[in-house]
């Protein structure tokens, strides 16, 4: 006997999944999702974005449940921005060792930190992939250019990001895996928007969407078997492994589609919304 869709929790990634290819959520889509929530849909998001980045895009959506942010680093009240739970941060000595290791590259990492507010530091952004990412952050209050990476005593290092060609980043990825197997959670995959470039994302070893999904499951008293997740990228795989149902959008990476229970329409076509509307709310 199939469970009642109203008993299930639906959790969607944002970029490449719920959002359109321009990383927007059109007003017509806002109306569609709000209607479903009003009719009883239990829905939330799990994204690599942090609050300052996700909230402006979805502020008109009536998200009533906690949201998973920054790749599982935070469980956050969406309306207020209050962090309800947080995972560990990258140890300070590991972060400085990381920066020393990648210093020979011409391309510097983006560094995400948090004390009382989020900050995003950058130095050299010289290739097409990094410049495009930097342009996407125009007007983002987190963004700070620095001559040197220096952090205050209270500043926690949440993550780092390198964007470059696979040939440049593959040796760095291998070095980091070997040197920090118990310290870092690494994601290395192509930039879907610019396939000639790859992203190498670095988080604390215990920061991933799957771990925070377990926390949310316990907090809401909804078994993992009654959770449906949607995604497109490597950092969604931890959710795919533990959720009752894993759904990949049609534009997802092949390795994500390969382990999904179902593949639906693309993010450009509003595949997640179409799926949710098909449930009969």
Protein backbone atom coordinates (compact mmCIF):
# COMPACT_ATOMS: atom_id res chain seq x y z
CA UNK A 1 0.00 0.00 0.00
CA UNK A 2 1.46 3.34 -1.07
CA UNK A 3 1.90 5.95 1.69
CA UNK A 4 -0.20 9.08 1.66
CA UNK A 5 1.89 11.84 0.01
CA UNK A 6 0.86 14.15 2.85
CA UNK A 7 2.72 11.91 5.30
CA UNK A 8 5.98 12.25 3.40
CA UNK A 9 8.66 14.94 3.60
CA UNK A 10 10.02 16.29 0.30
CA UNK A 11 13.52 17.82 0.30
CA UNK A 12 15.01 19.47 -2.77
CA UNK A 13 18.42 20.75 -3.72
CA UNK A 14 18.36 24.24 -5.26
CA UNK A 15 20.89 24.96 -8.04
CA UNK A 16 20.46 22.62 -10.95
CA UNK A 17 17.40 21.02 -9.34
CA UNK A 18 14.61 23.29 -8.06
CA UNK A 19 15.93 26.53 -9.56
CA UNK A 20 15.95 27.22 -13.28
CA UNK A 21 19.23 27.26 -15.27
CA UNK A 22 19.71 30.95 -14.37
CA UNK A 23 19.50 30.04 -10.65
CA UNK A 24 16.16 31.83 -10.39
CA UNK A 25 12.79 30.72 -9.10
CA UNK A 26 10.18 32.48 -11.26
CA UNK A 27 7.12 34.02 -9.63
CA UNK A 28 4.83 31.53 -11.38
CA UNK A 29 6.83 28.72 -9.77
CA UNK A 30 6.56 30.44 -6.38
CA UNK A 31 2.77 30.44 -6.73
CA UNK A 32 2.71 26.76 -7.71
CA UNK A 33 4.86 25.70 -4.78
CA UNK A 34 2.96 27.84 -2.28
CA UNK A 35 -0.33 26.29 -3.42
CA UNK A 36 1.08 22.83 -2.75
CA UNK A 37 2.35 23.83 0.70
CA UNK A 38 -1.04 25.35 1.54
CA UNK A 39 -2.64 22.01 0.60
CA UNK A 40 -0.44 20.09 3.01
CA UNK A 41 2.86 19.42 1.20
CA UNK A 42 5.72 19.03 3.67
CA UNK A 43 8.58 20.64 1.75
CA UNK A 44 12.01 22.07 2.43
CA UNK A 45 15.40 22.52 0.79
CA UNK A 46 18.94 21.20 1.18
CA UNK A 47 21.46 23.40 -0.60
CA UNK A 48 25.12 24.27 -0.76
CA UNK A 49 24.07 27.92 -0.56
CA UNK A 50 24.08 29.67 2.78
CA UNK A 51 21.28 31.80 4.19
CA UNK A 52 22.38 35.10 2.63
CA UNK A 53 22.37 33.45 -0.78
CA UNK A 54 19.28 31.22 -0.55
CA UNK A 55 16.84 33.52 1.23
CA UNK A 56 16.70 36.29 -1.43
CA UNK A 57 15.76 33.71 -4.07
CA UNK A 58 13.03 31.92 -2.09
CA UNK A 59 11.85 34.61 0.33
CA UNK A 60 8.35 34.56 -1.21
CA UNK A 61 8.00 30.80 -0.73
CA UNK A 62 6.14 29.85 2.44
CA UNK A 63 8.81 27.49 3.76
CA UNK A 64 7.59 26.47 7.20
CA UNK A 65 10.13 23.73 7.96
CA UNK A 66 13.83 24.13 8.80
CA UNK A 67 16.14 24.25 5.81
CA UNK A 68 19.52 22.55 5.30
CA UNK A 69 22.14 25.07 4.22
CA UNK A 70 25.77 25.20 3.13
CA UNK A 71 25.96 21.54 2.23
CA UNK A 72 24.69 20.39 5.61
CA UNK A 73 26.70 22.77 7.77
CA UNK A 74 23.54 24.42 9.11
CA UNK A 75 19.93 23.58 9.90
CA UNK A 76 18.23 26.96 9.80
CA UNK A 77 14.87 28.63 10.44
CA UNK A 78 14.20 30.07 6.99
CA UNK A 79 12.20 33.15 7.96
CA UNK A 80 14.57 34.39 10.68
CA UNK A 81 17.93 32.99 9.64
CA UNK A 82 18.48 31.49 13.09
CA UNK A 83 20.76 28.45 12.98
CA UNK A 84 19.01 25.65 14.88
CA UNK A 85 21.82 23.12 14.46
CA UNK A 86 25.29 23.27 12.97
CA UNK A 87 27.93 20.75 12.04
CA UNK A 88 31.64 21.15 12.73
CA UNK A 89 33.82 23.74 11.02
CA UNK A 90 37.17 23.12 9.33
CA UNK A 91 39.93 23.20 11.93
CA UNK A 92 42.01 26.37 11.77
CA UNK A 93 45.33 24.56 11.29
CA UNK A 94 43.83 22.40 8.52
CA UNK A 95 42.51 25.51 6.76
CA UNK A 96 45.91 27.21 6.80
CA UNK A 97 47.57 24.01 5.60
CA UNK A 98 45.03 23.89 2.79
CA UNK A 99 45.82 27.46 1.79
CA UNK A 100 49.53 26.72 1.78
CA UNK A 101 48.99 23.61 -0.33
CA UNK A 102 47.04 25.43 -3.05
CA UNK A 103 49.20 28.58 -2.96
CA UNK A 104 51.27 27.50 -6.02
CA UNK A 105 48.12 27.64 -8.15
CA UNK A 106 47.44 30.90 -9.95
CA UNK A 107 43.80 30.57 -8.88
CA UNK A 108 43.05 31.26 -5.20
CA UNK A 109 40.15 29.60 -3.37
CA UNK A 110 36.94 31.21 -2.25
CA UNK A 111 36.81 30.91 1.56
CA UNK A 112 33.50 30.87 3.48
CA UNK A 113 33.50 31.86 7.16
CA UNK A 114 31.02 32.55 9.94
CA UNK A 115 31.07 34.37 13.27
CA UNK A 116 27.99 36.50 13.81
CA UNK A 117 27.50 36.73 10.06
CA UNK A 118 28.62 34.96 6.92
CA UNK A 119 31.61 36.18 4.90
CA UNK A 120 33.05 35.03 1.59
CA UNK A 121 36.68 35.94 0.93
CA UNK A 122 38.44 35.87 -2.43
CA UNK A 123 41.74 37.00 -3.94
CA UNK A 124 42.75 36.04 -7.45
CA UNK A 125 39.84 35.04 -9.66
CA UNK A 126 41.37 34.89 -13.11
CA UNK A 127 39.88 32.02 -15.09
CA UNK A 128 36.51 32.05 -16.82
CA UNK A 129 34.91 29.69 -14.31
CA UNK A 130 35.93 31.67 -11.23
CA UNK A 131 35.10 35.01 -12.83
CA UNK A 132 31.63 33.74 -13.72
CA UNK A 133 31.08 32.59 -10.14
CA UNK A 134 32.33 35.96 -8.86
CA UNK A 135 29.95 37.78 -11.20
CA UNK A 136 27.06 35.68 -9.88
CA UNK A 137 27.86 37.07 -6.41
CA UNK A 138 27.56 40.75 -7.39
CA UNK A 139 25.64 42.58 -4.66
CA UNK A 140 26.14 39.71 -2.21
CA UNK A 141 26.95 41.28 1.16
CA UNK A 142 29.13 38.33 2.15
CA UNK A 143 31.72 39.05 -0.51
CA UNK A 144 35.07 40.57 0.56
CA UNK A 145 38.25 40.96 -1.47
CA UNK A 146 41.43 40.37 0.59
CA UNK A 147 45.15 40.72 -0.05
CA UNK A 148 45.86 37.95 2.46
CA UNK A 149 43.65 35.31 4.05
CA UNK A 150 43.47 36.24 7.74
CA UNK A 151 40.70 35.27 10.15
CA UNK A 152 39.63 36.69 13.48
CA UNK A 153 39.73 34.55 16.63
CA UNK A 154 35.94 34.10 16.56
CA UNK A 155 35.72 33.43 12.83
CA UNK A 156 34.88 29.82 11.93
CA UNK A 157 35.93 28.43 8.54
CA UNK A 158 32.94 26.69 6.98
CA UNK A 159 34.31 25.77 3.56
CA UNK A 160 36.58 26.49 0.61
CA UNK A 161 36.02 26.34 -3.14
CA UNK A 162 38.44 26.10 -6.05
CA UNK A 163 37.30 26.47 -9.66
CA UNK A 164 39.68 25.47 -12.44
CA UNK A 165 40.18 22.92 -15.21
CA UNK A 166 40.15 19.21 -14.33
CA UNK A 167 43.83 18.96 -15.29
CA UNK A 168 44.77 21.60 -12.72
CA UNK A 169 42.51 20.43 -9.91
CA UNK A 170 42.76 16.62 -10.16
CA UNK A 171 46.25 16.48 -8.56
CA UNK A 172 45.09 18.85 -5.82
CA UNK A 173 42.04 16.66 -5.16
CA UNK A 174 44.24 13.56 -4.86
CA UNK A 175 46.61 15.35 -2.47
CA UNK A 176 43.77 16.52 -0.25
CA UNK A 177 42.19 13.06 -0.12
CA UNK A 178 45.48 11.54 0.94
CA UNK A 179 46.45 14.24 3.44
CA UNK A 180 43.10 14.94 5.11
CA UNK A 181 41.01 11.73 4.97
CA UNK A 182 39.62 12.35 8.48
CA UNK A 183 39.32 16.14 8.26
CA UNK A 184 37.67 17.05 4.99
CA UNK A 185 34.58 16.21 3.00
CA UNK A 186 35.51 16.81 -0.67
CA UNK A 187 33.40 17.13 -3.81
CA UNK A 188 35.15 17.20 -7.18
CA UNK A 189 32.97 17.41 -10.30
CA UNK A 190 32.40 19.45 -13.41
CA UNK A 191 30.73 22.84 -13.34
CA UNK A 192 27.47 21.96 -15.06
CA UNK A 193 27.13 25.50 -16.43
CA UNK A 194 30.72 25.53 -17.77
CA UNK A 195 31.76 21.92 -18.43
CA UNK A 196 35.40 22.80 -19.22
CA UNK A 197 35.80 23.73 -15.55
CA UNK A 198 35.50 21.70 -12.35
CA UNK A 199 34.57 22.66 -8.81
CA UNK A 200 36.57 21.32 -5.87
CA UNK A 201 34.56 21.98 -2.71
CA UNK A 202 36.00 21.43 0.77
CA UNK A 203 33.95 21.10 3.96
CA UNK A 204 34.45 19.58 7.40
CA UNK A 205 34.44 15.79 7.32
CA UNK A 206 31.06 15.70 9.09
CA UNK A 207 29.40 18.41 7.01
CA UNK A 208 27.16 16.86 4.38
CA UNK A 209 23.50 17.00 3.47
CA UNK A 210 22.88 13.40 4.49
CA UNK A 211 24.00 13.89 8.09
CA UNK A 212 21.86 16.99 8.50
CA UNK A 213 18.93 15.22 6.84
CA UNK A 214 19.14 12.62 9.62
CA UNK A 215 19.00 15.46 12.16
CA UNK A 216 15.97 16.99 10.44
CA UNK A 217 14.28 13.58 10.28
CA UNK A 218 14.69 13.18 14.04
CA UNK A 219 13.57 16.73 14.76
CA UNK A 220 10.38 16.38 12.71
CA UNK A 221 9.81 12.76 13.81
CA UNK A 222 9.56 11.68 10.19
CA UNK A 223 11.40 8.41 9.38
CA UNK A 224 14.01 8.53 6.66
CA UNK A 225 11.93 5.94 4.81
CA UNK A 226 9.23 8.62 4.45
CA UNK A 227 11.52 11.23 2.94
CA UNK A 228 11.79 11.94 -0.79
CA UNK A 229 14.85 13.88 -1.96
CA UNK A 230 15.62 15.62 -5.25
CA UNK A 231 19.09 16.41 -6.58
CA UNK A 232 21.51 16.74 -9.45
CA UNK A 233 25.06 16.82 -8.08
CA UNK A 234 27.61 14.81 -6.09
CA UNK A 235 26.80 16.59 -2.84
CA UNK A 236 23.25 15.19 -3.05
CA UNK A 237 24.42 11.58 -2.99
CA UNK A 238 24.57 11.33 0.82
CA UNK A 239 20.84 12.16 0.87
CA UNK A 240 20.18 9.69 -1.94
CA UNK A 241 21.80 6.92 0.10
CA UNK A 242 19.54 7.29 3.15
CA UNK A 243 16.21 8.65 1.92
CA UNK A 244 13.23 6.44 1.20
CA UNK A 245 13.16 7.70 -2.37
CA UNK A 246 15.84 9.51 -4.38
CA UNK A 247 14.78 11.48 -7.46
CA UNK A 248 17.25 12.94 -9.97
CA UNK A 249 16.37 15.70 -12.39
CA UNK A 250 16.99 15.01 -16.07
CA UNK A 251 20.01 17.35 -16.16
CA UNK A 252 21.72 15.64 -13.19
CA UNK A 253 25.23 14.25 -13.45
CA UNK A 254 25.23 10.70 -14.86
CA UNK A 255 26.54 9.26 -11.58
CA UNK A 256 23.62 10.89 -9.75
CA UNK A 257 21.03 9.57 -12.21
CA UNK A 258 22.57 6.11 -11.97
CA UNK A 259 21.71 5.72 -8.27
CA UNK A 260 18.33 7.49 -8.30
CA UNK A 261 15.09 5.57 -7.89
CA UNK A 262 13.54 7.82 -10.54
CA UNK A 263 14.65 10.39 -13.10
CA UNK A 264 12.24 13.23 -13.84
CA UNK A 265 12.21 16.33 -16.04
CA UNK A 266 15.02 18.87 -16.07
CA UNK A 267 15.30 21.93 -13.87
CA UNK A 268 14.69 24.10 -16.95
CA UNK A 269 11.28 22.46 -17.32
CA UNK A 270 10.38 22.69 -13.62
CA UNK A 271 10.74 18.94 -13.19
CA UNK A 272 10.52 19.00 -9.38
CA UNK A 273 7.34 21.08 -9.40
CA UNK A 274 5.77 18.85 -12.05
CA UNK A 275 6.57 15.80 -9.91
CA UNK A 276 5.10 17.37 -6.78
CA UNK A 277 1.93 18.46 -8.58
CA UNK A 278 1.49 14.93 -9.91
CA UNK A 279 1.05 13.65 -6.34
CA UNK A 280 -2.50 14.94 -6.14
CA UNK A 281 -2.33 17.62 -3.48
